[in-house]
Each structure stands twice: as C-alpha cells, then as structure tokens.
C-alpha cells in the first residue's frame, strides 16, 4: 500500500481546501465544497473565504445569509457552522444523537432526571410562533417549568442539541455586530429537515464522500474528529469499493476518492492566513500534516494562524487596522517578504479605511 508522508498529505489538504490556488467559484459553491465553515466567531468565515476565493466579495456571503441560502446552525462537533441550506437540512437528523450526547456531557448533572424529549417539545412549542429569541430568553421561560437546571443549561441544551434552530441575521453579516437570535431551522428555510430512512445510511455515505473531497486522504479517526459522529465506519465500509487506500508514515490506513487531487510534493504553497477555528486544521484527529504537535493547541484556543510553505508558521491578530504577524519560527528573507505582502492585502480587505498596514512581531 502506498505510503503518503506528511508533505504529500499537506499538499493534498491545501488543494482540497482551496488554499493552493484561490478558486474562481461562487461563494455558495465554496461553502458547499468545504462542507461548511466553523463560525462561532461570526466574522471569521469572511477571512477564511478571502484566503480561498479569487475576488471574494463579502457582500455575496451576507446576501446568502439574508437570502436563506446559507445558514448558521449548530452541527459538526456541536459547534456553530456556516452551511448551505441544503446541507443543513440533509445532515441535521444524522447528527441528532451526537448532539444530545455532547450536551449531556456538559450538563449531565443539571439535566439529570429531566425527560429531554419533553424539554425539546416545550422548546419547539415556544419557537412555533417564529419569534426570534435568545438562548437565555428560552432558558428563562423553560426554567418556569424546570427550575433546577437553571436558564443557561436549559437554553443551551435546547438550541445546541435538542431543537434544530438557525441563528438569524444580522448575526454573521459582514462588519456587523449582533447578538444571537434563534428560530426553528425548518421555519427559517421554509423546508422540513430530512428524516433518516430506516435501514439506510445514505446520509452517512454522502458525508464520507463530501469529507474526503474537502479533506482527504484521511483516516476514519480524522473523519470522526471533523463531524463528531461515531457511526461512520459503517458508512465507510458500505462504500469501500468506491475508495482507494493509502497509509501514512505512522501506519494508519487513509481512505480517499480515486480521482481527487493529490499534488506533487514540490508544488509551491503560497502564504495563506487562516481564521480562528478553521477546519483545515480542526478537521483532523492527526493534524501533523499542517501543524506541528508543539503548536496544536493554538487552533483549539482560537488563534488565527499563518501558513508558510503550507504549514502553520505564525499567528496573526488585528490591531487598529494593522495585521500583526508573530512568527513561530525564524523566517527567511523571502518568507518575510511573502508574509508581509499577504498581510497587507488582508489588512486592506479587513479594514474599513484605506489601510495596508502589516507588521511582523519578532
């Protein structure tokens, strides 16, 4: 079986993640290809798409949100993701059990003795009038019936796991600050959530194919780390005949789509700036293809990172319209020039003023 080293996996990941060459595709197609973007920090997807798309216009993404073609909702790993409307409706039921397990993991003591189905039914009834509500508003109302857990536990359990909801604009719009207001996902999108057909896991099979198209080659542990679902090895087994297999340097089996890009090891990788919690890093259990183990915690902590030669080599922040880059290793002169140039372009994109300031912090 062919062995793929970390550099080979790195170049494949960059190609699948649209980070080798900026893609000239519509924003909706990019969101679909990437299987959504992690978006609990509402402005971060804009930087993520800027690094991936040619001539990215943030107004296009805002228009997709207000036009209900893209939606903010809890899904993979029980985190807020920006997804196409079709993917949110098709994938939500497949994630229900995982979402419940994770909310119980956080609030097992508070929710002990409460029938979660009754709690979900009460929450649905409250949201049936399509009036947008915050998590705490829902939690306080539910606490009148179940006072012991407290509003936060009840509200988070409801919107993050028990009832599929959408976070409404203006939350998530370009250069807009707004609190979270929730309505039923099906009401906002005007379509019911797709149900799971008994005896079939066509949704699981499609998740495997879509994940590999955007993240492969990958191990089943990587697939689980991305979505949080435990049952996908069965889906993998059912489509095994469609896939090709490799091994990584640590002996893990990697699966992939046969015709998917696996660029040459010497393919140049341009500097790219990734936003907080980008799935190009978080979408794997073994992240060594893109980040050193010594820096693994950066992505979990929500640090924005800079890729140099395809690997995490710096962190970045914004201060008064200036992009500040802090290297994690010594840069060559050529690398410093390339990082500074890309940082200036990012500063222009992010700034409301005509500014192109960038600085490397030693």
Protein backbone atom coordinates (compact mmCIF):
# COMPACT_ATOMS: atom_id res chain seq x y z
CA UNK A 1 0.00 0.00 0.00
CA UNK A 2 1.40 3.40 -0.97
CA UNK A 3 2.69 5.47 1.96
CA UNK A 4 1.85 9.19 1.94
CA UNK A 5 4.16 11.34 4.05
CA UNK A 6 3.11 14.49 5.86
CA UNK A 7 4.21 16.71 2.97
CA UNK A 8 2.15 14.73 0.47
CA UNK A 9 -0.85 14.96 2.79
CA UNK A 10 -0.19 18.65 3.26
CA UNK A 11 -0.33 19.39 -0.43
CA UNK A 12 -3.47 17.29 -0.84
CA UNK A 13 -5.13 19.12 2.03
CA UNK A 14 -4.20 22.53 0.63
CA UNK A 15 -5.60 21.58 -2.76
CA UNK A 16 -8.87 20.25 -1.34
CA UNK A 17 -9.22 23.28 0.96
CA UNK A 18 -8.75 25.75 -1.92
CA UNK A 19 -5.53 27.00 -0.31
CA UNK A 20 -3.06 26.19 -3.08
CA UNK A 21 -4.75 28.36 -5.68
CA UNK A 22 -7.62 30.70 -4.91
CA UNK A 23 -10.69 29.28 -6.61
CA UNK A 24 -12.84 31.23 -9.05
CA UNK A 25 -16.13 29.74 -7.89
CA UNK A 26 -19.25 31.30 -6.32
CA UNK A 27 -19.31 31.65 -2.55
CA UNK A 28 -22.23 29.21 -2.24
CA UNK A 29 -20.25 26.54 -4.10
CA UNK A 30 -17.24 27.14 -1.87
CA UNK A 31 -19.29 26.78 1.33
CA UNK A 32 -20.75 23.55 -0.04
CA UNK A 33 -17.37 22.16 -1.14
CA UNK A 34 -15.81 22.89 2.25
CA UNK A 35 -18.74 21.12 3.99
CA UNK A 36 -19.40 24.37 5.80
CA UNK A 37 -17.13 26.67 7.79
CA UNK A 38 -16.85 26.73 11.54
CA UNK A 39 -18.37 30.03 12.55
CA UNK A 40 -18.87 30.53 16.27
CA UNK A 41 -16.83 33.71 15.79
CA UNK A 42 -19.18 35.35 13.27
CA UNK A 43 -16.64 37.39 11.27
CA UNK A 44 -14.06 34.61 10.86
CA UNK A 45 -15.62 32.90 7.79
CA UNK A 46 -15.03 36.07 5.79
CA UNK A 47 -11.26 35.82 6.28
CA UNK A 48 -11.42 32.10 5.56
CA UNK A 49 -13.16 32.64 2.24
CA UNK A 50 -10.92 35.59 1.35
CA UNK A 51 -7.94 33.24 1.60
CA UNK A 52 -9.64 30.69 -0.64
CA UNK A 53 -11.50 32.61 -3.35
CA UNK A 54 -10.43 34.99 -6.08
CA UNK A 55 -12.05 38.43 -5.89
CA UNK A 56 -14.10 37.39 -2.86
CA UNK A 57 -16.89 39.89 -2.18
CA UNK A 58 -18.08 39.69 1.45
CA UNK A 59 -21.42 41.17 0.40
CA UNK A 60 -22.06 37.94 -1.50
CA UNK A 61 -21.84 35.88 1.68
CA UNK A 62 -24.01 38.37 3.58
CA UNK A 63 -26.56 38.16 0.78
CA UNK A 64 -26.61 34.38 1.00
CA UNK A 65 -27.34 34.61 4.74
CA UNK A 66 -30.17 37.13 4.38
CA UNK A 67 -31.45 35.22 1.35
CA UNK A 68 -31.62 32.00 3.44
CA UNK A 69 -29.35 30.04 1.09
CA UNK A 70 -26.66 29.81 3.77
CA UNK A 71 -27.45 29.38 7.45
CA UNK A 72 -25.71 29.49 10.82
CA UNK A 73 -26.56 26.49 12.99
CA UNK A 74 -25.08 24.00 15.45
CA UNK A 75 -23.92 20.85 13.71
CA UNK A 76 -20.48 19.23 13.44
CA UNK A 77 -18.88 18.73 16.86
CA UNK A 78 -21.83 20.69 18.35
CA UNK A 79 -20.18 23.90 17.15
CA UNK A 80 -21.74 26.69 15.11
CA UNK A 81 -21.16 26.17 11.40
CA UNK A 82 -22.00 28.18 8.32
CA UNK A 83 -23.67 25.72 5.93
CA UNK A 84 -25.68 25.74 2.75
CA UNK A 85 -29.39 25.44 3.45
CA UNK A 86 -29.50 22.09 1.66
CA UNK A 87 -26.66 20.60 3.71
CA UNK A 88 -28.09 21.83 6.99
CA UNK A 89 -31.45 20.19 6.26
CA UNK A 90 -29.94 16.98 4.88
CA UNK A 91 -27.37 16.44 7.63
CA UNK A 92 -29.13 17.60 10.80
CA UNK A 93 -31.01 14.39 11.64
CA UNK A 94 -27.82 12.32 11.22
CA UNK A 95 -26.20 14.46 13.93
CA UNK A 96 -29.06 14.36 16.46
CA UNK A 97 -27.72 11.56 18.67
CA UNK A 98 -24.22 13.07 18.79
CA UNK A 99 -25.60 16.49 19.71
CA UNK A 100 -27.60 15.01 22.57
CA UNK A 101 -24.60 13.05 23.88
CA UNK A 102 -22.44 16.14 23.87
CA UNK A 103 -24.93 18.37 25.62
CA UNK A 104 -25.39 15.68 28.29
CA UNK A 105 -21.64 15.51 28.63
CA UNK A 106 -21.64 19.21 29.52
CA UNK A 107 -24.80 19.30 31.62
CA UNK A 108 -25.33 15.75 32.87
CA UNK A 109 -25.79 16.79 36.50
CA UNK A 110 -28.03 19.77 35.72
CA UNK A 111 -30.28 17.76 33.37
CA UNK A 112 -30.42 14.61 35.49
CA UNK A 113 -34.00 13.38 35.77
CA UNK A 114 -35.35 15.64 33.01
CA UNK A 115 -37.03 13.99 30.04
CA UNK A 116 -35.16 15.52 27.10
CA UNK A 117 -37.99 14.75 24.70
CA UNK A 118 -40.38 16.74 26.89
CA UNK A 119 -37.87 19.57 27.09
CA UNK A 120 -37.49 19.55 23.31
CA UNK A 121 -41.27 19.55 22.81
CA UNK A 122 -41.65 22.53 25.14
CA UNK A 123 -38.91 24.39 23.29
CA UNK A 124 -40.49 23.67 19.91
CA UNK A 125 -43.82 24.96 21.16
CA UNK A 126 -42.19 28.20 22.29
CA UNK A 127 -40.47 28.67 18.93
CA UNK A 128 -43.53 27.76 16.87
CA UNK A 129 -44.60 31.41 16.63
CA UNK A 130 -41.41 32.20 14.62
CA UNK A 131 -40.49 34.98 17.06
CA UNK A 132 -36.67 35.13 17.27
CA UNK A 133 -35.40 34.52 20.79
CA UNK A 134 -32.04 34.42 22.52
CA UNK A 135 -30.76 31.37 24.33
CA UNK A 136 -31.29 33.00 27.73
CA UNK A 137 -34.84 34.08 26.86
CA UNK A 138 -35.67 30.49 26.02
CA UNK A 139 -33.85 29.22 29.09
CA UNK A 140 -35.66 31.55 31.47
CA UNK A 141 -39.03 30.58 30.03
CA UNK A 142 -38.23 26.88 30.34
CA UNK A 143 -36.98 27.40 33.90
CA UNK A 144 -40.53 28.20 34.97
CA UNK A 145 -41.30 24.51 34.42
CA UNK A 146 -37.85 23.07 35.20
CA UNK A 147 -36.25 25.47 37.71
CA UNK A 148 -33.44 23.22 38.98
CA UNK A 149 -31.05 23.19 36.00
CA UNK A 150 -31.06 26.97 35.55
CA UNK A 151 -31.70 29.01 32.38
CA UNK A 152 -28.23 28.57 30.83
CA UNK A 153 -28.25 24.77 30.92
CA UNK A 154 -31.81 24.63 29.62
CA UNK A 155 -31.26 27.20 26.88
CA UNK A 156 -28.00 25.74 25.63
CA UNK A 157 -29.37 22.20 25.69
CA UNK A 158 -32.31 23.34 23.63
CA UNK A 159 -30.63 25.36 20.87
CA UNK A 160 -27.35 23.43 20.64
CA UNK A 161 -28.80 19.94 20.61
CA UNK A 162 -32.48 19.24 21.16
CA UNK A 163 -34.16 21.50 18.60
CA UNK A 164 -32.70 22.43 15.20
CA UNK A 165 -32.51 26.22 15.08
CA UNK A 166 -31.00 28.87 12.84
CA UNK A 167 -29.12 31.92 14.10
CA UNK A 168 -30.69 34.83 12.27
CA UNK A 169 -29.04 37.77 10.55
CA UNK A 170 -27.78 40.34 11.30
CA UNK A 171 -25.63 37.87 13.26
CA UNK A 172 -22.84 36.84 10.91
CA UNK A 173 -23.19 39.64 8.38
CA UNK A 174 -20.08 41.48 7.17
CA UNK A 175 -18.79 44.10 9.63
CA UNK A 176 -21.89 43.68 11.77
CA UNK A 177 -22.10 43.02 15.49
CA UNK A 178 -25.31 41.41 16.65
CA UNK A 179 -26.47 39.01 19.33
CA UNK A 180 -27.75 35.51 18.68
CA UNK A 181 -31.46 35.25 17.90
CA UNK A 182 -32.87 31.81 17.14
CA UNK A 183 -35.83 30.43 15.19
CA UNK A 184 -36.69 26.93 14.06
CA UNK A 185 -34.40 25.86 11.25
CA UNK A 186 -37.27 24.48 9.17
CA UNK A 187 -39.30 27.69 9.56
CA UNK A 188 -36.39 29.92 8.53
CA UNK A 189 -35.51 27.81 5.49
CA UNK A 190 -39.08 27.02 4.52
CA UNK A 191 -38.41 23.28 4.29
CA UNK A 192 -38.58 20.40 6.71
CA UNK A 193 -35.46 18.65 7.94
CA UNK A 194 -34.85 15.46 6.00
CA UNK A 195 -35.56 12.31 8.00
CA UNK A 196 -33.39 9.23 8.21
CA UNK A 197 -34.71 6.30 6.18
CA UNK A 198 -34.87 3.09 8.22
CA UNK A 199 -32.11 0.64 7.30
CA UNK A 200 -30.29 3.17 5.15
CA UNK A 201 -27.34 5.40 5.88
CA UNK A 202 -27.23 7.27 2.62
CA UNK A 203 -26.57 10.49 4.54
CA UNK A 204 -23.57 8.92 6.28
CA UNK A 205 -22.23 7.69 2.96
CA UNK A 206 -22.61 11.15 1.45
CA UNK A 207 -20.86 12.71 4.45
CA UNK A 208 -17.89 10.39 3.87
CA UNK A 209 -17.67 11.30 0.18
CA UNK A 210 -18.04 15.02 0.85
CA UNK A 211 -15.48 14.95 3.66
CA UNK A 212 -12.91 13.19 1.51
CA UNK A 213 -13.46 15.65 -1.34
CA UNK A 214 -12.63 18.52 1.01
CA UNK A 215 -10.18 16.93 3.46
CA UNK A 216 -8.83 13.64 2.09
CA UNK A 217 -6.84 11.48 2.14
CA UNK A 218 -7.82 10.81 5.74
CA UNK A 219 -8.29 8.11 8.36
CA UNK A 220 -11.67 7.27 9.82
CA UNK A 221 -10.43 8.86 13.08
CA UNK A 222 -9.97 12.12 11.16
CA UNK A 223 -13.49 11.85 9.77
CA UNK A 224 -14.86 11.38 13.27
CA UNK A 225 -12.84 14.33 14.59
CA UNK A 226 -14.36 16.54 11.91
CA UNK A 227 -18.02 15.71 12.43
CA UNK A 228 -18.14 14.12 15.89
CA UNK A 229 -20.15 11.14 14.65
CA UNK A 230 -19.25 7.68 15.93
CA UNK A 231 -21.08 5.52 13.41
CA UNK A 232 -19.43 6.45 10.13
CA UNK A 233 -17.09 3.42 9.88
CA UNK A 234 -20.22 1.51 8.82
CA UNK A 235 -20.83 4.07 6.08
CA UNK A 236 -17.17 3.81 5.04
CA UNK A 237 -17.47 0.04 4.83
CA UNK A 238 -20.56 0.28 2.65
CA UNK A 239 -18.77 2.41 0.02
CA UNK A 240 -15.33 0.84 0.40
CA UNK A 241 -15.44 -0.35 -3.21
CA UNK A 242 -15.57 3.28 -4.41
CA UNK A 243 -12.46 4.32 -2.49
CA UNK A 244 -8.70 3.98 -2.71
CA UNK A 245 -6.45 3.35 0.29
CA UNK A 246 -3.03 4.52 1.43
CA UNK A 247 -1.02 4.54 4.65
CA UNK A 248 0.55 7.45 6.43
CA UNK A 249 4.01 7.46 7.99
CA UNK A 250 2.56 6.21 11.28
CA UNK A 251 0.91 3.18 9.69
CA UNK A 252 -2.70 4.43 9.74
CA UNK A 253 -4.90 3.49 6.83
CA UNK A 254 -6.04 6.50 4.83
CA UNK A 255 -9.03 6.42 2.50
CA UNK A 256 -9.73 8.72 -0.42
CA UNK A 257 -11.73 9.31 -3.56
CA UNK A 258 -9.86 7.86 -6.53
CA UNK A 259 -9.86 10.98 -8.72
CA UNK A 260 -9.29 13.58 -6.02
CA UNK A 261 -6.26 15.94 -6.20
CA UNK A 262 -3.01 14.70 -4.69
CA UNK A 263 -0.45 17.25 -5.94
CA UNK A 264 3.25 16.66 -6.33
CA UNK A 265 5.30 17.19 -3.18
CA UNK A 266 7.21 20.06 -4.80
CA UNK A 267 4.08 22.05 -5.62
CA UNK A 268 4.64 25.58 -4.26
CA UNK A 269 2.34 26.59 -1.42
CA UNK A 270 1.68 30.34 -1.12
CA UNK A 271 1.30 32.17 2.18
CA UNK A 272 -2.24 31.92 3.48
CA UNK A 273 -3.93 33.48 6.52
CA UNK A 274 -6.48 31.25 8.28
CA UNK A 275 -9.16 32.49 10.66
CA UNK A 276 -9.85 31.19 14.15
CA UNK A 277 -11.05 27.58 14.35
CA UNK A 278 -10.52 26.90 10.66
CA UNK A 279 -11.48 23.35 9.71
CA UNK A 280 -8.35 22.98 7.57
CA UNK A 281 -6.74 22.29 10.96
CA UNK A 282 -9.63 21.18 13.19
CA UNK A 283 -10.99 18.77 10.58
CA UNK A 284 -8.45 16.09 11.52
CA UNK A 285 -7.57 13.93 14.50
CA UNK A 286 -3.93 13.78 13.39
CA UNK A 287 -3.13 17.36 12.41
CA UNK A 288 0.57 16.89 11.75
CA UNK A 289 0.02 17.28 8.01
CA UNK A 290 -0.45 21.01 8.61
CA UNK A 291 0.62 21.91 12.16
CA UNK A 292 3.42 20.72 14.44
CA UNK A 293 2.37 18.94 17.62
CA UNK A 294 4.08 21.69 19.63
CA UNK A 295 1.59 24.21 18.23
CA UNK A 296 -1.53 22.02 18.14
CA UNK A 297 -3.14 23.93 20.98
CA UNK A 298 -3.17 27.18 19.00
CA UNK A 299 -6.08 26.13 16.83
CA UNK A 300 -8.10 24.83 19.77
CA UNK A 301 -7.53 28.12 21.60
CA UNK A 302 -8.88 30.08 18.64
CA UNK A 303 -5.62 31.63 17.48
CA UNK A 304 -5.57 32.81 13.88
CA UNK A 305 -2.65 31.23 12.06
CA UNK A 306 -0.49 31.88 9.00
CA UNK A 307 0.59 29.11 6.65
CA UNK A 308 4.09 29.35 5.19
CA UNK A 309 5.03 26.61 2.76
CA UNK A 310 1.72 25.03 3.68
CA UNK A 311 2.33 24.72 7.42
CA UNK A 312 1.38 26.79 10.45
CA UNK A 313 4.35 29.10 10.96
CA UNK A 314 2.89 32.18 12.67
CA UNK A 315 -0.14 33.62 14.41
CA UNK A 316 -1.85 36.85 13.47
CA UNK A 317 -4.07 39.46 15.04
CA UNK A 318 -5.57 42.79 14.00
CA UNK A 319 -4.88 45.97 15.94
CA UNK A 320 -6.20 49.32 14.71
CA UNK A 321 -6.40 48.13 11.09
CA UNK A 322 -2.89 46.68 11.25
CA UNK A 323 -2.35 42.96 10.73
CA UNK A 324 0.26 41.86 13.28
CA UNK A 325 2.08 38.62 12.48
CA UNK A 326 4.00 36.74 15.19
CA UNK A 327 6.31 34.06 13.71
CA UNK A 328 6.61 30.68 15.43
CA UNK A 329 9.99 30.10 13.80
CA UNK A 330 12.64 32.16 12.05
CA UNK A 331 11.61 33.27 8.57
CA UNK A 332 13.92 33.55 5.61
CA UNK A 333 14.09 36.92 3.88
CA UNK A 334 11.89 35.61 1.07
CA UNK A 335 9.35 34.26 3.56
CA UNK A 336 9.22 37.58 5.42
CA UNK A 337 8.59 39.39 2.16
CA UNK A 338 5.81 36.99 1.14
CA UNK A 339 4.14 37.07 4.57
CA UNK A 340 4.26 40.86 4.73
CA UNK A 341 2.78 41.19 1.25
CA UNK A 342 -0.12 38.86 2.01
CA UNK A 343 -0.70 40.53 5.39
CA UNK A 344 -1.00 43.92 3.67
CA UNK A 345 -3.60 42.50 1.28
CA UNK A 346 -5.51 41.05 4.23
CA UNK A 347 -5.36 44.39 6.05
CA UNK A 348 -6.89 46.09 3.03
CA UNK A 349 -9.68 43.53 2.96
CA UNK A 350 -10.46 43.74 6.67
CA UNK A 351 -10.13 47.48 7.14
CA UNK A 352 -12.95 49.96 6.72
CA UNK A 353 -10.28 52.55 5.92
CA UNK A 354 -7.80 52.72 3.07
CA UNK A 355 -5.04 51.00 5.02
CA UNK A 356 -2.50 48.38 4.07
CA UNK A 357 -0.58 48.18 7.31
CA UNK A 358 1.12 44.94 8.28
CA UNK A 359 3.88 44.20 10.75
CA UNK A 360 5.83 41.13 11.76
CA UNK A 361 6.33 40.96 15.51
CA UNK A 362 9.68 39.42 16.43
